[in-house]
Amino acid sequence: TTRILSESSQRKTICIEGSFEGNTSPAIVILEKKPFSGQNLKNILNTESILSKDFINDIYGNYECFPKLEYNGIKTTIIHPATEKHIKKFESQPIHLVEETPDLYESITYPHLQTEQFDLTWVHNILEHKSEVDRIVFEDSDPTNGFILLPDLKWDGKQIENLYLVGIVNKKGIKSLRDLTGEHLNLLKNVMEKGCNAIEEKYKLPRSKLRVYLHYQPSFYHLHVHFTNLKYDAPGIYTEKSHLLTAVINNIELMPEYFQRATLPFVLKETDKLFLKYEEK
């Protein structure tokens, strides 16, 4: 049995929950149409592609194009076995904006994070070179200010139009924006500088064409920074979710305890356990 968790015509994605034959553990499959690449246009606009006519009216014609199989792939992400937290994450639900004061963070959010968060084994596997070593784009091994830069799961690592990389810091124990203080400025500046330089060197995309930011709340609680193509309408780039790294650095330079004193907004789904705790308050 399968069911659709969510779908987006804008992003051309669909998330499905189901199970594989011979295995009862739940799985999530995310299907995403790839963006067009100028490099592949000649492989689509040629005589090997099949055109099916819909209609013609004067100078306007509508067709459906069927390119060769290798140019019609669908990016597929599989999470298996998927936990209830994964399912809730991808399931379409009503959402609410929460204004988190420092007091609310200490009394509600932080205690919740101590018991309810995604397992970080996969993050530690990357940092310890147990997994995804061949996907690493750049690495600074410094234990305090270093990080590993690699493609996000949402990116195929090829098409620059939707470039999306993640910088995962080596230092453990920094969960989110709320933990950042003046002592982390060198770390943040290092991620910004070396991350942007590595992307420009490998993908020829300069810093002025990159969006570099952090999420709050993040999807997992080990500090990481997102690097996306500025033209790409990536998930989670809106003002209630993302904080530009340059602004984060500037705020801390102005006030080292800024993120311990600021009210931070974030969005929660209606069935999220954290939202239910805020509702009880």
Protein backbone atom coordinates (compact mmCIF):
# COMPACT_ATOMS: atom_id res chain seq x y z
CA THR A 1 0.00 0.00 0.00
CA THR A 2 1.28 3.45 -0.90
CA ARG A 3 0.06 6.93 -0.11
CA ILE A 4 1.10 10.37 -1.26
CA LEU A 5 2.58 12.39 1.58
CA SER A 6 2.95 15.62 -0.38
CA GLU A 7 3.39 16.96 -3.89
CA SER A 8 4.43 20.25 -5.44
CA SER A 9 3.68 21.28 -9.00
CA GLN A 10 6.02 24.25 -8.52
CA ARG A 11 9.01 22.11 -7.53
CA LYS A 12 7.84 19.16 -9.63
CA THR A 13 8.22 16.77 -6.70
CA ILE A 14 6.13 14.08 -5.07
CA CYS A 15 6.76 12.25 -1.77
CA ILE A 16 5.32 8.76 -1.34
CA GLU A 17 5.12 6.47 1.68
CA GLY A 18 5.03 2.72 1.15
CA SER A 19 6.99 -0.48 1.62
CA PHE A 20 9.17 -2.66 -0.57
CA GLU A 21 8.21 -6.18 -1.55
CA GLY A 22 9.24 -8.65 1.14
CA ASN A 23 9.88 -5.92 3.71
CA THR A 24 7.25 -4.42 6.00
CA SER A 25 9.38 -1.49 7.18
CA PRO A 26 7.98 1.84 5.93
CA ALA A 27 9.88 3.67 3.23
CA ILE A 28 9.71 7.16 1.75
CA VAL A 29 10.41 7.73 -1.94
CA ILE A 30 10.90 11.29 -3.20
CA LEU A 31 10.63 11.80 -6.96
CA GLU A 32 11.77 15.04 -8.55
CA LYS A 33 11.88 16.17 -12.16
CA LYS A 34 15.31 17.53 -13.00
CA PRO A 35 15.71 21.10 -14.27
CA PHE A 36 16.80 21.63 -17.85
CA SER A 37 20.46 22.07 -18.59
CA GLY A 38 21.74 24.04 -21.57
CA GLN A 39 24.35 21.34 -22.11
CA ASN A 40 21.66 18.71 -22.76
CA LEU A 41 19.39 20.72 -25.04
CA LYS A 42 20.99 19.35 -28.20
CA ASN A 43 20.21 15.85 -26.94
CA ILE A 44 16.53 16.75 -26.54
CA LEU A 45 15.94 19.00 -29.55
CA ASN A 46 16.85 16.49 -32.22
CA THR A 47 15.25 13.89 -34.49
CA GLU A 48 15.57 11.14 -31.87
CA SER A 49 12.98 12.82 -29.64
CA ILE A 50 9.34 12.03 -30.34
CA LEU A 51 6.76 14.84 -30.52
CA SER A 52 3.10 14.14 -29.81
CA LYS A 53 0.85 16.96 -31.05
CA ASP A 54 -1.78 18.37 -28.72
CA PHE A 55 -3.10 21.18 -30.92
CA ILE A 56 -2.05 23.87 -33.43
CA ASN A 57 -3.64 27.31 -33.66
CA ASP A 58 -2.13 29.69 -36.21
CA ILE A 59 1.53 30.16 -35.19
CA TYR A 60 1.10 28.43 -31.81
CA GLY A 61 1.58 24.72 -31.33
CA ASN A 62 1.39 22.55 -28.20
CA TYR A 63 3.21 19.21 -28.10
CA GLU A 64 4.43 16.64 -25.62
CA CYS A 65 8.10 15.77 -26.13
CA PHE A 66 9.53 12.33 -25.36
CA PRO A 67 13.36 12.49 -25.30
CA LYS A 68 15.63 9.48 -25.28
CA LEU A 69 15.48 7.53 -22.02
CA GLU A 70 18.85 8.71 -20.69
CA TYR A 71 17.73 12.35 -20.90
CA ASN A 72 14.42 11.80 -19.16
CA GLY A 73 15.59 10.63 -15.73
CA ILE A 74 13.81 11.40 -12.47
CA LYS A 75 15.90 12.17 -9.38
CA THR A 76 14.90 9.60 -6.75
CA THR A 77 15.66 9.75 -3.03
CA ILE A 78 14.84 6.77 -0.79
CA ILE A 79 14.64 6.80 3.01
CA HIS A 80 14.43 3.25 4.37
CA PRO A 81 13.54 2.33 6.99
CA ALA A 82 11.66 5.58 7.55
CA THR A 83 10.71 6.59 11.09
CA GLU A 84 7.49 8.33 12.11
CA LYS A 85 9.50 11.56 12.33
CA HIS A 86 10.54 11.20 8.69
CA ILE A 87 6.95 10.60 7.64
CA LYS A 88 5.71 13.65 9.55
CA LYS A 89 8.50 15.74 8.03
CA PHE A 90 7.39 15.05 4.46
CA GLU A 91 3.64 14.84 5.07
CA SER A 92 1.60 17.83 3.92
CA GLN A 93 -0.09 19.46 6.94
CA PRO A 94 -1.36 22.86 8.12
CA ILE A 95 1.54 25.00 9.35
CA HIS A 96 1.88 27.66 12.06
CA LEU A 97 4.38 30.42 12.78
CA VAL A 98 5.98 30.33 16.22
CA GLU A 99 7.73 33.37 17.76
CA GLU A 100 10.34 31.80 20.01
CA THR A 101 11.63 34.06 22.78
CA PRO A 102 14.77 33.07 24.71
CA ASP A 103 12.55 32.03 27.63
CA LEU A 104 10.38 29.84 25.38
CA TYR A 105 13.51 28.26 23.92
CA GLU A 106 14.75 27.34 27.40
CA SER A 107 11.40 26.14 28.73
CA ILE A 108 9.90 24.40 25.67
CA THR A 109 12.16 24.02 22.63
CA TYR A 110 15.41 22.97 24.30
CA PRO A 111 13.87 20.27 26.55
CA HIS A 112 12.03 18.94 23.50
CA LEU A 113 15.28 18.68 21.53
CA GLN A 114 16.83 16.60 24.28
CA THR A 115 14.34 13.80 23.63
CA GLU A 116 12.94 14.37 20.13
CA GLN A 117 15.36 14.75 17.24
CA PHE A 118 16.65 12.80 14.28
CA ASP A 119 19.50 10.37 14.86
CA LEU A 120 22.86 11.93 13.88
CA THR A 121 24.66 8.69 13.00
CA TRP A 122 24.66 9.56 9.30
CA VAL A 123 26.26 12.96 10.06
CA HIS A 124 28.99 11.37 12.18
CA ASN A 125 29.58 8.80 9.42
CA ILE A 126 30.37 11.65 7.02
CA LEU A 127 32.64 13.46 9.47
CA GLU A 128 34.47 10.23 10.32
CA HIS A 129 34.84 9.21 6.65
CA LYS A 130 32.69 6.11 7.08
CA SER A 131 30.21 7.15 4.39
CA GLU A 132 29.98 9.40 1.32
CA VAL A 133 33.74 9.99 1.12
CA ASP A 134 33.59 10.07 -2.68
CA ARG A 135 31.02 12.89 -2.55
CA ILE A 136 33.18 15.31 -0.55
CA VAL A 137 33.83 18.51 -2.52
CA PHE A 138 36.04 20.20 0.07
CA GLU A 139 37.34 19.43 3.56
CA ASP A 140 39.03 21.50 6.23
CA SER A 141 40.08 19.02 8.92
CA ASP A 142 40.61 21.59 11.69
CA PRO A 143 38.63 20.23 14.69
CA THR A 144 37.43 23.67 15.82
CA ASN A 145 36.88 25.71 12.65
CA GLY A 146 36.86 23.03 9.96
CA PHE A 147 34.00 21.50 8.00
CA ILE A 148 33.12 19.11 5.19
CA LEU A 149 31.37 20.41 2.07
CA LEU A 150 29.36 17.96 -0.04
CA PRO A 151 26.25 17.92 -2.27
CA ASP A 152 22.90 17.95 -0.51
CA LEU A 153 20.69 14.90 -1.09
CA LYS A 154 18.33 17.14 -3.07
CA TRP A 155 21.01 17.80 -5.71
CA ASP A 156 22.37 15.38 -8.30
CA GLY A 157 25.79 17.05 -8.16
CA LYS A 158 25.74 17.88 -11.86
CA GLN A 159 23.30 20.56 -12.94
CA ILE A 160 24.45 24.00 -11.81
CA GLU A 161 20.94 25.42 -12.20
CA ASN A 162 19.86 23.82 -8.91
CA LEU A 163 23.26 23.61 -7.21
CA TYR A 164 22.83 22.73 -3.54
CA LEU A 165 25.67 21.84 -1.17
CA VAL A 166 25.88 21.58 2.61
CA GLY A 167 28.80 22.47 4.86
CA ILE A 168 28.79 20.28 7.99
CA VAL A 169 31.06 21.57 10.76
CA ASN A 170 33.51 19.22 12.46
CA LYS A 171 32.85 20.57 15.95
CA LYS A 172 30.17 18.60 17.76
CA GLY A 173 27.71 20.08 20.23
CA ILE A 174 26.58 23.13 18.22
CA LYS A 175 22.94 22.36 17.54
CA SER A 176 21.60 25.50 15.90
CA LEU A 177 21.62 29.30 15.69
CA ARG A 178 20.72 29.44 19.38
CA ASP A 179 24.14 28.06 20.33
CA LEU A 180 26.18 30.53 18.28
CA THR A 181 28.20 33.19 20.13
CA GLY A 182 31.27 35.32 19.56
CA GLU A 183 33.51 32.28 20.05
CA HIS A 184 32.12 30.81 16.81
CA LEU A 185 32.92 33.77 14.55
CA ASN A 186 36.12 32.22 13.19
CA LEU A 187 34.24 29.01 12.41
CA LEU A 188 31.43 30.83 10.58
CA LYS A 189 33.81 33.04 8.61
CA ASN A 190 35.90 30.01 7.68
CA VAL A 191 32.86 28.14 6.36
CA MET A 192 31.79 31.19 4.37
CA GLU A 193 35.20 31.91 2.87
CA LYS A 194 36.45 28.42 2.09
CA GLY A 195 33.03 27.07 1.14
CA CYS A 196 32.45 29.80 -1.44
CA ASN A 197 36.00 29.49 -2.78
CA ALA A 198 35.65 25.72 -3.20
CA ILE A 199 32.35 26.09 -5.06
CA GLU A 200 33.76 28.76 -7.38
CA GLU A 201 36.81 26.62 -8.12
CA LYS A 202 34.86 23.44 -8.86
CA TYR A 203 31.58 24.74 -10.31
CA LYS A 204 32.64 28.18 -11.62
CA LEU A 205 29.88 29.87 -9.64
CA PRO A 206 31.15 33.03 -7.86
CA ARG A 207 30.12 34.08 -4.36
CA SER A 208 27.83 36.79 -5.75
CA LYS A 209 25.69 34.05 -7.32
CA LEU A 210 25.42 31.96 -4.16
CA ARG A 211 22.85 31.98 -1.37
CA VAL A 212 24.61 30.91 1.85
CA TYR A 213 22.38 30.46 4.88
CA LEU A 214 21.32 28.51 7.97
CA HIS A 215 17.88 27.15 8.80
CA TYR A 216 15.97 27.66 12.03
CA GLN A 217 14.67 25.25 13.05
CA PRO A 218 17.17 23.03 11.21
CA SER A 219 16.23 19.61 9.89
CA PHE A 220 18.96 18.04 12.06
CA TYR A 221 20.71 19.42 15.13
CA HIS A 222 24.37 19.49 14.18
CA LEU A 223 25.43 22.86 12.82
CA HIS A 224 25.44 22.97 9.03
CA VAL A 225 25.33 25.68 6.37
CA HIS A 226 23.42 25.60 3.08
CA PHE A 227 24.99 26.76 -0.22
CA THR A 228 22.59 27.11 -3.17
CA ASN A 229 22.54 28.73 -6.57
CA LEU A 230 20.97 32.16 -6.07
CA LYS A 231 18.63 31.47 -9.01
CA TYR A 232 17.39 28.20 -7.51
CA ASP A 233 14.11 28.39 -5.60
CA ALA A 234 15.33 25.91 -3.01
CA PRO A 235 13.10 24.57 -0.22
CA GLY A 236 13.34 26.57 3.00
CA ILE A 237 14.76 29.82 1.61
CA TYR A 238 11.96 32.02 2.91
CA THR A 239 12.32 34.59 5.66
CA GLU A 240 10.59 32.51 8.36
CA LYS A 241 13.10 29.70 7.87
CA SER A 242 16.46 30.91 6.57
CA HIS A 243 19.12 33.27 7.94
CA LEU A 244 21.88 34.46 5.60
CA LEU A 245 25.28 33.52 6.98
CA THR A 246 26.62 37.04 6.39
CA ALA A 247 23.76 38.45 8.51
CA VAL A 248 24.38 35.84 11.22
CA ILE A 249 28.05 36.85 11.37
CA ASN A 250 27.17 40.56 11.42
CA ASN A 251 24.64 40.12 14.23
CA ILE A 252 27.16 38.26 16.39
CA GLU A 253 29.83 40.91 15.70
CA LEU A 254 27.38 43.60 16.87
CA MET A 255 26.25 41.57 19.88
CA PRO A 256 28.10 38.32 20.75
CA GLU A 257 25.03 36.94 22.59
CA TYR A 258 22.58 38.02 19.88
CA PHE A 259 21.11 34.56 19.29
CA GLN A 260 20.68 33.95 23.01
CA ARG A 261 18.75 37.23 23.35
CA ALA A 262 16.76 37.44 20.10
CA THR A 263 13.23 36.26 19.39
CA LEU A 264 13.48 33.81 16.49
CA PRO A 265 10.50 32.86 14.31
CA PHE A 266 10.05 29.42 12.80
CA VAL A 267 7.33 27.32 11.23
CA LEU A 268 5.93 24.07 12.62
CA LYS A 269 3.48 21.57 11.21
CA GLU A 270 0.26 21.20 13.16
CA THR A 271 0.97 17.62 14.24
CA ASP A 272 4.58 18.30 15.23
CA LYS A 273 5.11 17.35 18.87
CA LEU A 274 6.92 20.63 19.46
CA PHE A 275 3.93 22.60 18.18
CA LEU A 276 1.64 20.64 20.47
CA LYS A 277 3.85 21.61 23.42
CA TYR A 278 3.61 25.27 22.41
CA GLU A 279 -0.16 24.90 22.16
CA GLU A 280 -0.28 23.54 25.70
CA LYS A 281 1.57 26.63 26.89
